[in-house]
C-alpha atoms as a PDB file:
ATOM      1  CA  MET A   1     246.818 210.809 -20.616  1.00  0.00           C
ATOM      2  CA  LYS A   2     246.067 210.199 -24.289  1.00  0.00           C
ATOM      3  CA  ALA A   3     248.901 210.311 -26.813  1.00  0.00           C
ATOM      4  CA  MET A   4     249.490 209.396 -30.451  1.00  0.00           C
ATOM      5  CA  VAL A   5     252.354 206.925 -30.137  1.00  0.00           C
ATOM      6  CA  LEU A   6     254.682 205.625 -32.860  1.00  0.00           C
ATOM      7  CA  ASN A   7     255.717 202.005 -32.246  1.00  0.00           C
ATOM      8  CA  GLN A   8     257.150 201.068 -35.637  1.00  0.00           C
ATOM      9  CA  ILE A   9     258.521 202.769 -38.739  1.00  0.00           C
ATOM     10  CA  THR A  10     256.193 202.506 -41.718  1.00  0.00           C
ATOM     11  CA  SER A  11     254.351 204.513 -44.363  1.00  0.00           C
ATOM     12  CA  ILE A  12     251.903 207.083 -42.992  1.00  0.00           C
ATOM     13  CA  GLU A  13     249.176 205.506 -45.129  1.00  0.00           C
ATOM     14  CA  ASN A  14     249.344 202.542 -42.715  1.00  0.00           C
ATOM     15  CA  LYS A  15     248.278 204.866 -39.881  1.00  0.00           C
ATOM     16  CA  PRO A  16     251.198 204.004 -37.581  1.00  0.00           C
ATOM     17  CA  LEU A  17     250.332 206.549 -34.880  1.00  0.00           C
ATOM     18  CA  LYS A  18     248.089 204.855 -32.324  1.00  0.00           C
ATOM     19  CA  LEU A  19     245.947 206.686 -29.769  1.00  0.00           C
ATOM     20  CA  THR A  20     247.239 205.207 -26.522  1.00  0.00           C
ATOM     21  CA  ASP A  21     246.800 205.626 -22.786  1.00  0.00           C
ATOM     22  CA  VAL A  22     250.195 206.462 -21.271  1.00  0.00           C
ATOM     23  CA  ASN A  23     251.328 207.772 -17.903  1.00  0.00           C
ATOM     24  CA  ILE A  24     251.511 211.509 -17.376  1.00  0.00           C
ATOM     25  CA  PRO A  25     255.260 212.201 -17.034  1.00  0.00           C
ATOM     26  CA  SER A  26     256.631 212.829 -13.550  1.00  0.00           C
ATOM     27  CA  LEU A  27     258.775 215.906 -12.928  1.00  0.00           C
ATOM     28  CA  ASP A  28     262.370 216.428 -11.947  1.00  0.00           C
ATOM     29  CA  LYS A  29     263.123 219.454  -9.798  1.00  0.00           C
ATOM     30  CA  ASN A  30     264.009 221.714 -12.747  1.00  0.00           C
ATOM     31  CA  GLU A  31     261.092 220.762 -15.014  1.00  0.00           C
ATOM     32  CA  VAL A  32     257.585 221.990 -15.732  1.00  0.00           C
ATOM     33  CA  LEU A  33     254.546 219.930 -16.686  1.00  0.00           C
ATOM     34  CA  VAL A  34     252.503 221.430 -19.505  1.00  0.00           C
ATOM     35  CA  LYS A  35     248.878 220.673 -20.357  1.00  0.00           C
ATOM     36  CA  ILE A  36     249.026 220.881 -24.144  1.00  0.00           C
ATOM     37  CA  THR A  37     246.571 223.098 -26.019  1.00  0.00           C
ATOM     38  CA  ALA A  38     248.152 223.005 -29.503  1.00  0.00           C
ATOM     39  CA  CYS A  39     250.938 221.199 -31.377  1.00  0.00           C
ATOM     40  CA  GLY A  40     252.051 221.924 -34.936  1.00  0.00           C
ATOM     41  CA  VAL A  41     252.601 219.164 -37.484  1.00  0.00           C
ATOM     42  CA  CYS A  42     256.025 219.283 -39.155  1.00  0.00           C
ATOM     43  CA  ARG A  43     257.250 217.465 -42.265  1.00  0.00           C
ATOM     44  CA  SER A  44     260.170 216.211 -40.163  1.00  0.00           C
ATOM     45  CA  ASN A  45     257.563 214.288 -38.126  1.00  0.00           C
ATOM     46  CA  LEU A  46     256.634 212.554 -41.367  1.00  0.00           C
ATOM     47  CA  HIS A  47     260.279 211.788 -42.173  1.00  0.00           C
ATOM     48  CA  LEU A  48     260.716 210.302 -38.688  1.00  0.00           C
ATOM     49  CA  ILE A  49     257.585 208.142 -38.959  1.00  0.00           C
ATOM     50  CA  GLU A  50     258.350 206.810 -42.432  1.00  0.00           C
ATOM     51  CA  GLY A  51     262.027 206.091 -41.742  1.00  0.00           C
ATOM     52  CA  ASP A  52     263.462 208.600 -44.220  1.00  0.00           C
ATOM     53  CA  TRP A  53     266.039 209.670 -41.641  1.00  0.00           C
ATOM     54  CA  LEU A  54     267.065 206.301 -40.203  1.00  0.00           C
ATOM     55  CA  LYS A  55     270.506 206.768 -41.749  1.00  0.00           C
ATOM     56  CA  TYR A  56     270.894 209.848 -39.536  1.00  0.00           C
ATOM     57  CA  GLY A  57     269.835 207.904 -36.428  1.00  0.00           C
ATOM     58  CA  ILE A  58     266.317 209.361 -36.346  1.00  0.00           C
ATOM     59  CA  PRO A  59     264.298 208.245 -34.468  1.00  0.00           C
ATOM     60  CA  PRO A  60     266.869 207.190 -31.856  1.00  0.00           C
ATOM     61  CA  LYS A  61     264.262 205.199 -29.934  1.00  0.00           C
ATOM     62  CA  LEU A  62     260.860 203.550 -30.201  1.00  0.00           C
ATOM     63  CA  PRO A  63     258.181 203.930 -29.052  1.00  0.00           C
ATOM     64  CA  ILE A  64     258.146 207.713 -29.319  1.00  0.00           C
ATOM     65  CA  ILE A  65     255.511 210.438 -29.172  1.00  0.00           C
ATOM     66  CA  PRO A  66     256.276 212.872 -32.033  1.00  0.00           C
ATOM     67  CA  GLY A  67     255.635 216.617 -32.117  1.00  0.00           C
ATOM     68  CA  HIS A  68     258.012 219.478 -31.376  1.00  0.00           C
ATOM     69  CA  GLU A  69     256.147 222.800 -31.718  1.00  0.00           C
ATOM     70  CA  VAL A  70     254.018 222.930 -28.630  1.00  0.00           C
ATOM     71  CA  VAL A  71     251.879 225.403 -26.715  1.00  0.00           C
ATOM     72  CA  GLY A  72     250.197 224.757 -23.389  1.00  0.00           C
ATOM     73  CA  ILE A  73     249.411 225.794 -19.835  1.00  0.00           C
ATOM     74  CA  VAL A  74     251.726 225.072 -16.919  1.00  0.00           C
ATOM     75  CA  GLU A  75     250.076 222.402 -14.811  1.00  0.00           C
ATOM     76  CA  SER A  76     252.803 222.034 -12.156  1.00  0.00           C
ATOM     77  CA  VAL A  77     256.473 222.869 -11.596  1.00  0.00           C
ATOM     78  CA  GLY A  78     259.465 221.160 -10.025  1.00  0.00           C
ATOM     79  CA  GLY A  79     260.844 222.344  -6.718  1.00  0.00           C
ATOM     80  CA  ASP A  80     263.715 224.375  -8.217  1.00  0.00           C
ATOM     81  CA  VAL A  81     261.675 226.179 -10.888  1.00  0.00           C
ATOM     82  CA  ARG A  82     261.357 229.931 -10.330  1.00  0.00           C
ATOM     83  CA  THR A  83     260.662 231.214 -13.851  1.00  0.00           C
ATOM     84  CA  PHE A  84     257.164 229.779 -14.348  1.00  0.00           C
ATOM     85  CA  GLY A  85     254.082 229.255 -12.250  1.00  0.00           C
ATOM     86  CA  LYS A  86     250.903 227.215 -12.538  1.00  0.00           C
ATOM     87  CA  GLY A  87     248.494 228.603 -15.125  1.00  0.00           C
ATOM     88  CA  GLU A  88     251.075 230.424 -17.268  1.00  0.00           C
ATOM     89  CA  ARG A  89     251.003 229.943 -21.032  1.00  0.00           C
ATOM     90  CA  ILE A  90     254.279 228.669 -22.477  1.00  0.00           C
ATOM     91  CA  GLY A  91     255.727 227.257 -25.687  1.00  0.00           C
ATOM     92  CA  ILE A  92     258.260 224.547 -26.485  1.00  0.00           C
ATOM     93  CA  GLN A  93     260.478 224.324 -29.579  1.00  0.00           C
ATOM     94  CA  PRO A  94     262.470 221.342 -30.948  1.00  0.00           C
ATOM     95  CA  LEU A  95     265.450 222.209 -28.723  1.00  0.00           C
ATOM     96  CA  TYR A  96     264.373 220.322 -25.598  1.00  0.00           C
ATOM     97  CA  ASN A  97     267.612 220.564 -23.614  1.00  0.00           C
ATOM     98  CA  ALA A  98     271.363 221.109 -23.945  1.00  0.00           C
ATOM     99  CA  CYS A  99     274.360 220.775 -21.651  1.00  0.00           C
ATOM    100  CA  LYS A 100     274.719 224.593 -21.153  1.00  0.00           C
ATOM    101  CA  TYR A 101     278.486 224.245 -20.546  1.00  0.00           C
ATOM    102  CA  CYS A 102     280.116 223.430 -23.904  1.00  0.00           C
ATOM    103  CA  ASP A 103     281.510 226.028 -26.305  1.00  0.00           C
ATOM    104  CA  TYR A 104     278.311 226.019 -28.363  1.00  0.00           C
ATOM    105  CA  CYS A 105     276.103 226.587 -25.342  1.00  0.00           C
ATOM    106  CA  LEU A 106     278.348 229.272 -23.844  1.00  0.00           C
ATOM    107  CA  THR A 107     278.353 231.223 -27.128  1.00  0.00           C
ATOM    108  CA  GLY A 108     274.580 231.241 -27.652  1.00  0.00           C
ATOM    109  CA  ARG A 109     274.510 228.314 -30.078  1.00  0.00           C
ATOM    110  CA  GLU A 110     273.017 225.704 -27.786  1.00  0.00           C
ATOM    111  CA  HIS A 111     271.002 224.288 -30.704  1.00  0.00           C
ATOM    112  CA  LEU A 112     274.359 222.893 -31.972  1.00  0.00           C
ATOM    113  CA  CYS A 113     275.288 221.264 -28.652  1.00  0.00           C
ATOM    114  CA  ASP A 114     276.648 217.748 -29.161  1.00  0.00           C
ATOM    115  CA  THR A 115     274.429 216.436 -26.362  1.00  0.00           C
ATOM    116  CA  ARG A 116     271.303 218.414 -27.234  1.00  0.00           C
ATOM    117  CA  GLN A 117     267.955 216.682 -26.805  1.00  0.00           C
ATOM    118  CA  ILE A 118     265.150 217.126 -29.312  1.00  0.00           C
ATOM    119  CA  THR A 119     261.440 217.315 -28.497  1.00  0.00           C
ATOM    120  CA  GLY A 120     259.502 214.487 -30.120  1.00  0.00           C
ATOM    121  CA  ASP A 121     262.717 212.789 -31.187  1.00  0.00           C
ATOM    122  CA  THR A 122     265.009 211.925 -28.284  1.00  0.00           C
ATOM    123  CA  GLU A 123     262.231 212.902 -25.841  1.00  0.00           C
ATOM    124  CA  ASP A 124     258.483 212.374 -26.029  1.00  0.00           C
ATOM    125  CA  GLY A 125     256.781 215.272 -27.769  1.00  0.00           C
ATOM    126  CA  GLY A 126     253.547 217.134 -28.230  1.00  0.00           C
ATOM    127  CA  TYR A 127     251.158 214.668 -29.923  1.00  0.00           C
ATOM    128  CA  ALA A 128     249.708 214.189 -26.462  1.00  0.00           C
ATOM    129  CA  GLU A 129     247.732 215.817 -23.663  1.00  0.00           C
ATOM    130  CA  TYR A 130     250.750 216.562 -21.438  1.00  0.00           C
ATOM    131  CA  LEU A 131     254.469 217.175 -21.863  1.00  0.00           C
ATOM    132  CA  LYS A 132     257.298 217.912 -19.450  1.00  0.00           C
ATOM    133  CA  ILE A 133     260.211 220.215 -20.302  1.00  0.00           C
ATOM    134  CA  PRO A 134     263.277 221.629 -18.501  1.00  0.00           C
ATOM    135  CA  SER A 135     262.230 225.135 -17.487  1.00  0.00           C
ATOM    136  CA  ASP A 136     265.297 226.754 -19.120  1.00  0.00           C
ATOM    137  CA  PHE A 137     264.024 225.597 -22.518  1.00  0.00           C
ATOM    138  CA  ALA A 138     260.435 226.826 -22.283  1.00  0.00           C
ATOM    139  CA  TYR A 139     259.199 230.260 -23.376  1.00  0.00           C
ATOM    140  CA  LYS A 140     256.502 232.597 -22.164  1.00  0.00           C
ATOM    141  CA  ILE A 141     254.048 233.439 -24.926  1.00  0.00           C
ATOM    142  CA  PRO A 142     253.199 237.134 -25.316  1.00  0.00           C
ATOM    143  CA  ASP A 143     249.602 238.252 -25.019  1.00  0.00           C
ATOM    144  CA  GLY A 144     247.846 238.788 -28.316  1.00  0.00           C
ATOM    145  CA  ILE A 145     248.916 235.506 -29.934  1.00  0.00           C
ATOM    146  CA  ASP A 146     246.358 232.712 -29.583  1.00  0.00           C
ATOM    147  CA  ASP A 147     247.483 229.132 -29.008  1.00  0.00           C
ATOM    148  CA  LEU A 148     246.637 227.937 -32.520  1.00  0.00           C
ATOM    149  CA  HIS A 149     248.806 230.588 -34.195  1.00  0.00           C
ATOM    150  CA  ALA A 150     251.514 230.465 -31.536  1.00  0.00           C
ATOM    151  CA  ALA A 151     252.349 226.766 -31.950  1.00  0.00           C
ATOM    152  CA  PRO A 152     253.926 227.095 -35.453  1.00  0.00           C
ATOM    153  CA  LEU A 153     256.229 229.825 -34.193  1.00  0.00           C
ATOM    154  CA  PHE A 154     258.089 227.146 -32.230  1.00  0.00           C
ATOM    155  CA  CYS A 155     259.459 225.289 -35.258  1.00  0.00           C
ATOM    156  CA  PRO A 156     258.735 226.890 -38.643  1.00  0.00           C
ATOM    157  CA  GLY A 157     258.955 230.309 -36.991  1.00  0.00           C
ATOM    158  CA  VAL A 158     262.382 229.886 -35.423  1.00  0.00           C
ATOM    159  CA  THR A 159     263.660 227.761 -38.329  1.00  0.00           C
ATOM    160  CA  ALA A 160     262.686 230.405 -40.873  1.00  0.00           C
ATOM    161  CA  TYR A 161     264.112 233.190 -38.722  1.00  0.00           C
ATOM    162  CA  ARG A 162     267.499 231.514 -38.331  1.00  0.00           C
ATOM    163  CA  ALA A 163     267.749 230.740 -42.053  1.00  0.00           C
ATOM    164  CA  VAL A 164     266.850 234.285 -43.076  1.00  0.00           C
ATOM    165  CA  LYS A 165     269.476 235.676 -40.674  1.00  0.00           C
ATOM    166  CA  ARG A 166     272.096 233.397 -42.222  1.00  0.00           C
ATOM    167  CA  ALA A 167     271.143 234.593 -45.717  1.00  0.00           C
ATOM    168  CA  GLU A 168     272.610 238.025 -44.842  1.00  0.00           C
ATOM    169  CA  LEU A 169     269.863 240.110 -46.438  1.00  0.00           C
ATOM    170  CA  SER A 170     269.506 243.876 -46.648  1.00  0.00           C
ATOM    171  CA  PRO A 171     267.522 246.447 -48.669  1.00  0.00           C
ATOM    172  CA  GLY A 172     268.212 246.100 -52.371  1.00  0.00           C
ATOM    173  CA  LYS A 173     269.217 242.442 -52.226  1.00  0.00           C
ATOM    174  CA  THR A 174     267.271 239.602 -53.849  1.00  0.00           C
ATOM    175  CA  VAL A 175     266.572 236.253 -52.181  1.00  0.00           C
ATOM    176  CA  ALA A 176     264.855 233.163 -53.576  1.00  0.00           C
ATOM    177  CA  VAL A 177     262.974 230.860 -51.193  1.00  0.00           C
ATOM    178  CA  PHE A 178     262.623 227.295 -52.485  1.00  0.00           C
ATOM    179  CA  GLY A 179     259.638 225.612 -50.837  1.00  0.00           C
ATOM    180  CA  ILE A 180     256.655 227.649 -49.632  1.00  0.00           C
ATOM    181  CA  GLY A 181     254.903 225.677 -46.935  1.00  0.00           C
ATOM    182  CA  GLY A 182     254.926 225.660 -43.163  1.00  0.00           C
ATOM    183  CA  VAL A 183     258.441 227.124 -42.932  1.00  0.00           C
ATOM    184  CA  GLY A 184     258.728 228.855 -46.293  1.00  0.00           C
ATOM    185  CA  HIS A 185     255.648 231.051 -45.883  1.00  0.00           C
ATOM    186  CA  LEU A 186     257.196 232.530 -42.740  1.00  0.00           C
ATOM    187  CA  ALA A 187     260.687 232.862 -44.254  1.00  0.00           C
ATOM    188  CA  LEU A 188     259.165 234.845 -47.115  1.00  0.00           C
ATOM    189  CA  GLN A 189     257.661 237.360 -44.693  1.00  0.00           C
ATOM    190  CA  MET A 190     260.807 237.622 -42.591  1.00  0.00           C
ATOM    191  CA  ALA A 191     262.933 238.253 -45.683  1.00  0.00           C
ATOM    192  CA  LYS A 192     260.598 241.110 -46.606  1.00  0.00           C
ATOM    193  CA  LEU A 193     261.286 242.673 -43.194  1.00  0.00           C
ATOM    194  CA  TYR A 194     264.918 243.092 -44.296  1.00  0.00           C
ATOM    195  CA  GLY A 195     263.789 245.067 -47.317  1.00  0.00           C
ATOM    196  CA  ALA A 196     264.847 242.335 -49.734  1.00  0.00           C
ATOM    197  CA  LYS A 197     263.147 241.400 -52.987  1.00  0.00           C
ATOM    198  CA  VAL A 198     261.701 237.913 -52.522  1.00  0.00           C
ATOM    199  CA  ILE A 199     261.249 235.231 -55.171  1.00  0.00           C
ATOM    200  CA  ALA A 200     259.095 232.258 -54.145  1.00  0.00           C
ATOM    201  CA  ILE A 201     259.586 228.900 -55.876  1.00  0.00           C
ATOM    202  CA  THR A 202     257.076 226.132 -55.193  1.00  0.00           C
ATOM    203  CA  ARG A 203     255.341 223.366 -57.138  1.00  0.00           C
ATOM    204  CA  SER A 204     251.869 223.640 -55.604  1.00  0.00           C
ATOM    205  CA  LYS A 205     249.309 226.044 -57.056  1.00  0.00           C
ATOM    206  CA  MET A 206     247.927 226.526 -53.540  1.00  0.00           C
ATOM    207  CA  HIS A 207     251.361 227.557 -52.253  1.00  0.00           C
ATOM    208  CA  LEU A 208     251.969 229.846 -55.256  1.00  0.00           C
ATOM    209  CA  ASN A 209     248.762 231.655 -54.323  1.00  0.00           C
ATOM    210  CA  LEU A 210     249.820 231.781 -50.680  1.00  0.00           C
ATOM    211  CA  ALA A 211     253.190 233.293 -51.610  1.00  0.00           C
ATOM    212  CA  THR A 212     251.477 235.967 -53.688  1.00  0.00           C
ATOM    213  CA  LYS A 213     249.064 236.768 -50.869  1.00  0.00           C
ATOM    214  CA  LEU A 214     251.954 237.148 -48.399  1.00  0.00           C
ATOM    215  CA  GLY A 215     253.858 239.615 -50.555  1.00  0.00           C
ATOM    216  CA  ALA A 216     256.313 237.665 -52.708  1.00  0.00           C
ATOM    217  CA  ASP A 217     257.638 239.927 -55.464  1.00  0.00           C
ATOM    218  CA  VAL A 218     257.886 237.036 -57.937  1.00  0.00           C
ATOM    219  CA  VAL A 219     256.424 233.508 -57.852  1.00  0.00           C
ATOM    220  CA  ILE A 220     257.790 230.665 -59.984  1.00  0.00           C
ATOM    221  CA  SER A 221     256.358 227.194 -60.543  1.00  0.00           C
ATOM    222  CA  PRO A 222     258.889 224.495 -61.552  1.00  0.00           C
ATOM    223  CA  VAL A 223     255.939 222.624 -63.064  1.00  0.00           C
ATOM    224  CA  GLU A 224     255.132 225.413 -65.515  1.00  0.00           C
ATOM    225  CA  GLU A 225     258.478 227.048 -66.289  1.00  0.00           C
ATOM    226  CA  ASP A 226     262.227 226.528 -66.273  1.00  0.00           C
ATOM    227  CA  VAL A 227     263.418 227.832 -62.906  1.00  0.00           C
ATOM    228  CA  ALA A 228     267.006 228.554 -63.954  1.00  0.00           C
ATOM    229  CA  GLN A 229     265.922 230.508 -67.019  1.00  0.00           C
ATOM    230  CA  SER A 230     263.235 232.416 -65.108  1.00  0.00           C
ATOM    231  CA  MET A 231     265.743 233.369 -62.421  1.00  0.00           C
ATOM    232  CA  LYS A 232     268.225 234.455 -65.083  1.00  0.00           C
ATOM    233  CA  ASN A 233     265.585 236.703 -66.606  1.00  0.00           C
ATOM    234  CA  ILE A 234     264.908 238.285 -63.214  1.00  0.00           C
ATOM    235  CA  GLY A 235     268.556 239.203 -62.704  1.00  0.00           C
ATOM    236  CA  SER A 236     271.133 238.803 -59.975  1.00  0.00           C
ATOM    237  CA  VAL A 237     270.060 236.646 -57.011  1.00  0.00           C
ATOM    238  CA  ASP A 238     272.145 237.332 -53.902  1.00  0.00           C
ATOM    239  CA  SER A 239     270.904 234.462 -51.717  1.00  0.00           C
ATOM    240  CA  VAL A 240     268.779 231.346 -51.859  1.00  0.00           C
ATOM    241  CA  ILE A 241     267.098 229.592 -48.937  1.00  0.00           C
ATOM    242  CA  ILE A 242     266.145 225.962 -49.482  1.00  0.00           C
ATOM    243  CA  PHE A 243     263.278 224.269 -47.629  1.00  0.00           C
ATOM    244  CA  ALA A 244     262.321 221.908 -50.476  1.00  0.00           C
ATOM    245  CA  PRO A 245     263.957 218.509 -49.757  1.00  0.00           C
ATOM    246  CA  ALA A 246     264.323 217.592 -53.429  1.00  0.00           C
ATOM    247  CA  LYS A 247     267.530 217.031 -55.395  1.00  0.00           C
ATOM    248  CA  ASP A 248     266.280 219.075 -58.354  1.00  0.00           C
ATOM    249  CA  ALA A 249     265.320 222.016 -56.131  1.00  0.00           C
ATOM    250  CA  ILE A 250     268.742 222.049 -54.461  1.00  0.00           C
ATOM    251  CA  SER A 251     270.515 221.854 -57.822  1.00  0.00           C
ATOM    252  CA  GLN A 252     268.404 224.684 -59.258  1.00  0.00           C
ATOM    253  CA  ALA A 253     268.977 226.819 -56.192  1.00  0.00           C
ATOM    254  CA  ILE A 254     272.758 226.446 -56.327  1.00  0.00           C
ATOM    255  CA  LYS A 255     272.800 227.288 -60.044  1.00  0.00           C
ATOM    256  CA  SER A 256     270.514 230.290 -59.573  1.00  0.00           C
ATOM    257  CA  VAL A 257     272.508 232.252 -57.020  1.00  0.00           C
ATOM    258  CA  LYS A 258     275.112 234.710 -58.307  1.00  0.00           C
ATOM    259  CA  LYS A 259     278.873 234.257 -58.019  1.00  0.00           C
ATOM    260  CA  GLY A 260     279.876 234.898 -54.424  1.00  0.00           C
ATOM    261  CA  GLY A 261     276.245 234.439 -53.358  1.00  0.00           C
ATOM    262  CA  THR A 262     274.909 232.601 -50.318  1.00  0.00           C
ATOM    263  CA  ILE A 263     273.033 229.291 -50.269  1.00  0.00           C
ATOM    264  CA  VAL A 264     271.245 228.441 -47.012  1.00  0.00           C
ATOM    265  CA  MET A 265     270.295 224.761 -46.680  1.00  0.00           C
ATOM    266  CA  GLY A 266     267.425 224.137 -44.279  1.00  0.00           C
ATOM    267  CA  VAL A 267     266.996 220.504 -45.332  1.00  0.00           C
ATOM    268  CA  PHE A 268     269.003 217.316 -45.735  1.00  0.00           C
ATOM    269  CA  GLY A 269     270.183 216.926 -49.316  1.00  0.00           C
ATOM    270  CA  SER A 270     273.016 216.563 -51.781  1.00  0.00           C
ATOM    271  CA  ILE A 271     274.735 219.519 -53.449  1.00  0.00           C
ATOM    272  CA  GLY A 272     275.412 217.367 -56.518  1.00  0.00           C
ATOM    273  CA  ASP A 273     278.429 215.795 -58.142  1.00  0.00           C
ATOM    274  CA  GLU A 274     280.043 219.076 -59.149  1.00  0.00           C
ATOM    275  CA  PHE A 275     280.346 222.282 -57.168  1.00  0.00           C
ATOM    276  CA  MET A 276     281.937 225.165 -59.070  1.00  0.00           C
ATOM    277  CA  PHE A 277     284.443 226.418 -56.521  1.00  0.00           C
ATOM    278  CA  VAL A 278     285.573 229.078 -58.997  1.00  0.00           C
ATOM    279  CA  ASP A 279     282.239 230.886 -58.458  1.00  0.00           C
ATOM    280  CA  GLU A 280     283.017 231.321 -54.724  1.00  0.00           C
ATOM    281  CA  LYS A 281     279.463 230.564 -53.718  1.00  0.00           C
ATOM    282  CA  VAL A 282     278.977 229.977 -49.981  1.00  0.00           C
ATOM    283  CA  ILE A 283     276.851 227.105 -48.663  1.00  0.00           C
ATOM    284  CA  LYS A 284     275.558 227.305 -45.086  1.00  0.00           C
ATOM    285  CA  GLY A 285     273.474 224.906 -43.069  1.00  0.00           C
ATOM    286  CA  SER A 286     270.708 226.212 -40.840  1.00  0.00           C
ATOM    287  CA  VAL A 287     268.866 224.203 -38.187  1.00  0.00           C
ATOM    288  CA  ILE A 288     266.089 225.343 -35.840  1.00  0.00           C
ATOM    289  CA  GLY A 289     267.523 228.176 -33.712  1.00  0.00           C
ATOM    290  CA  SER A 290     268.921 229.246 -30.371  1.00  0.00           C
ATOM    291  CA  ARG A 291     266.917 230.315 -27.344  1.00  0.00           C
ATOM    292  CA  LYS A 292     267.689 233.928 -28.238  1.00  0.00           C
ATOM    293  CA  ASP A 293     266.384 233.371 -31.775  1.00  0.00           C
ATOM    294  CA  MET A 294     263.193 231.899 -30.354  1.00  0.00           C
ATOM    295  CA  LYS A 295     262.554 234.892 -28.108  1.00  0.00           C
ATOM    296  CA  GLU A 296     263.116 237.270 -31.023  1.00  0.00           C
ATOM    297  CA  VAL A 297     260.561 235.378 -33.116  1.00  0.00           C
ATOM    298  CA  LEU A 298     257.981 235.728 -30.358  1.00  0.00           C
ATOM    299  CA  THR A 299     258.627 239.479 -30.247  1.00  0.00           C
ATOM    300  CA  LEU A 300     258.176 239.773 -34.024  1.00  0.00           C
ATOM    301  CA  ALA A 301     254.886 237.888 -33.841  1.00  0.00           C
ATOM    302  CA  ALA A 302     253.626 239.898 -30.861  1.00  0.00           C
ATOM    303  CA  ASP A 303     254.364 243.111 -32.753  1.00  0.00           C
ATOM    304  CA  GLY A 304     252.281 241.902 -35.710  1.00  0.00           C
ATOM    305  CA  HIS A 305     255.135 241.586 -38.225  1.00  0.00           C
ATOM    306  CA  ILE A 306     254.405 238.012 -39.356  1.00  0.00           C
ATOM    307  CA  GLU A 307     251.209 236.170 -40.219  1.00  0.00           C
ATOM    308  CA  VAL A 308     250.970 232.478 -39.367  1.00  0.00           C
ATOM    309  CA  VAL A 309     248.710 230.590 -41.770  1.00  0.00           C
ATOM    310  CA  CYS A 310     247.400 227.456 -40.081  1.00  0.00           C
ATOM    311  CA  GLU A 311     244.617 224.870 -39.970  1.00  0.00           C
ATOM    312  CA  LYS A 312     243.138 223.248 -36.861  1.00  0.00           C
ATOM    313  CA  TYR A 313     242.699 219.478 -36.430  1.00  0.00           C
ATOM    314  CA  HIS A 314     242.019 217.111 -33.560  1.00  0.00           C
ATOM    315  CA  LEU A 315     244.853 215.080 -32.035  1.00  0.00           C
ATOM    316  CA  ASN A 316     243.115 211.835 -33.090  1.00  0.00           C
ATOM    317  CA  ASP A 317     243.458 212.895 -36.739  1.00  0.00           C
ATOM    318  CA  ALA A 318     247.274 213.006 -36.737  1.00  0.00           C
ATOM    319  CA  ASN A 319     247.673 210.179 -39.278  1.00  0.00           C
ATOM    320  CA  GLU A 320     245.240 211.789 -41.693  1.00  0.00           C
ATOM    321  CA  VAL A 321     246.857 215.219 -41.266  1.00  0.00           C
ATOM    322  CA  LEU A 322     250.308 213.841 -41.999  1.00  0.00           C
ATOM    323  CA  THR A 323     248.925 212.130 -45.102  1.00  0.00           C
ATOM    324  CA  LYS A 324     247.580 215.479 -46.293  1.00  0.00           C
ATOM    325  CA  LEU A 325     250.960 217.061 -45.588  1.00  0.00           C
ATOM    326  CA  LYS A 326     252.697 214.341 -47.605  1.00  0.00           C
ATOM    327  CA  THR A 327     250.546 215.169 -50.618  1.00  0.00           C
ATOM    328  CA  SER A 328     250.935 218.975 -50.265  1.00  0.00           C
ATOM    329  CA  LYS A 329     247.324 219.553 -49.220  1.00  0.00           C
ATOM    330  CA  ILE A 330     248.138 221.735 -46.193  1.00  0.00           C
ATOM    331  CA  GLU A 331     248.326 225.426 -47.066  1.00  0.00           C
ATOM    332  CA  GLY A 332     250.515 226.669 -44.214  1.00  0.00           C
ATOM    333  CA  ARG A 333     250.758 224.698 -40.986  1.00  0.00           C
ATOM    334  CA  ALA A 334     248.435 222.042 -39.556  1.00  0.00           C
ATOM    335  CA  VAL A 335     247.968 222.275 -35.790  1.00  0.00           C
ATOM    336  CA  LEU A 336     246.651 219.474 -33.578  1.00  0.00           C
ATOM    337  CA  VAL A 337     244.572 220.161 -30.485  1.00  0.00           C
ATOM    338  CA  PRO A 338     243.811 217.506 -27.810  1.00  0.00           C
END
């Protein structure tokens, strides 16, 4: 099969992903082989390629095939697989596998499992023509969602959903979403489903327009106005959700939320030198989501409650697409097709 393979860590401008002939993976008895039809392009792929996350042990191995939001058709199944058959359409999220026996797994938090495996990180991912996956970590895709728009549900979709749940929203509350891109544009819509007032904060004019189009009640550009002052003028902010991996954005978000409010961090970052414990603000991390979360996202999408904004590119163009993503020239989500 053809795959875009990363052999060394370097800037994306050096075009490190190389189109390579590699063996189609062989199956264990509990796995399915998927012929890929679409794979979303995530900013975390860019961080992996450029070495931004080496201090966190990412990537744990080279060479690696990136890509962790995948849609495809079942090509074949292992001997013990009973949940899928040849020709079915399935999706794969970053959570590739987990032990299924630890406390996290037994309480529906398998995405926190200490031995979890990550698609396109610890295991080869979706920048390819084929991918294998343990059948317990694959998902049937409902009718009515095409492959192009389904693929982003399997990372930005579940990531946004988990973060919005952790923000504890309800009618009458106000939430600010920092970073309106692949994940943020879905988080905005999901927050609206809770009846919350949504403030969108993003630097890009394109993403400000996108936030307005998707129903944000207020849009703020850090380039054009003082975020803290603008938020103060708006009034009490109950929660903030941070998808912008910038120190200034995190600092502004923490300052903006009211005393006793909730800060949901969906990115790596520092909370600064001083945290005012006397304000009793609560900081929560949020990472991808559980298998239950993923199924709930698919139901929301099938019922027409969220709109995925995406752009289609060919697999060969992965380096160029990631360069566009680095410079904020992708409106919602870029999706590669073989």
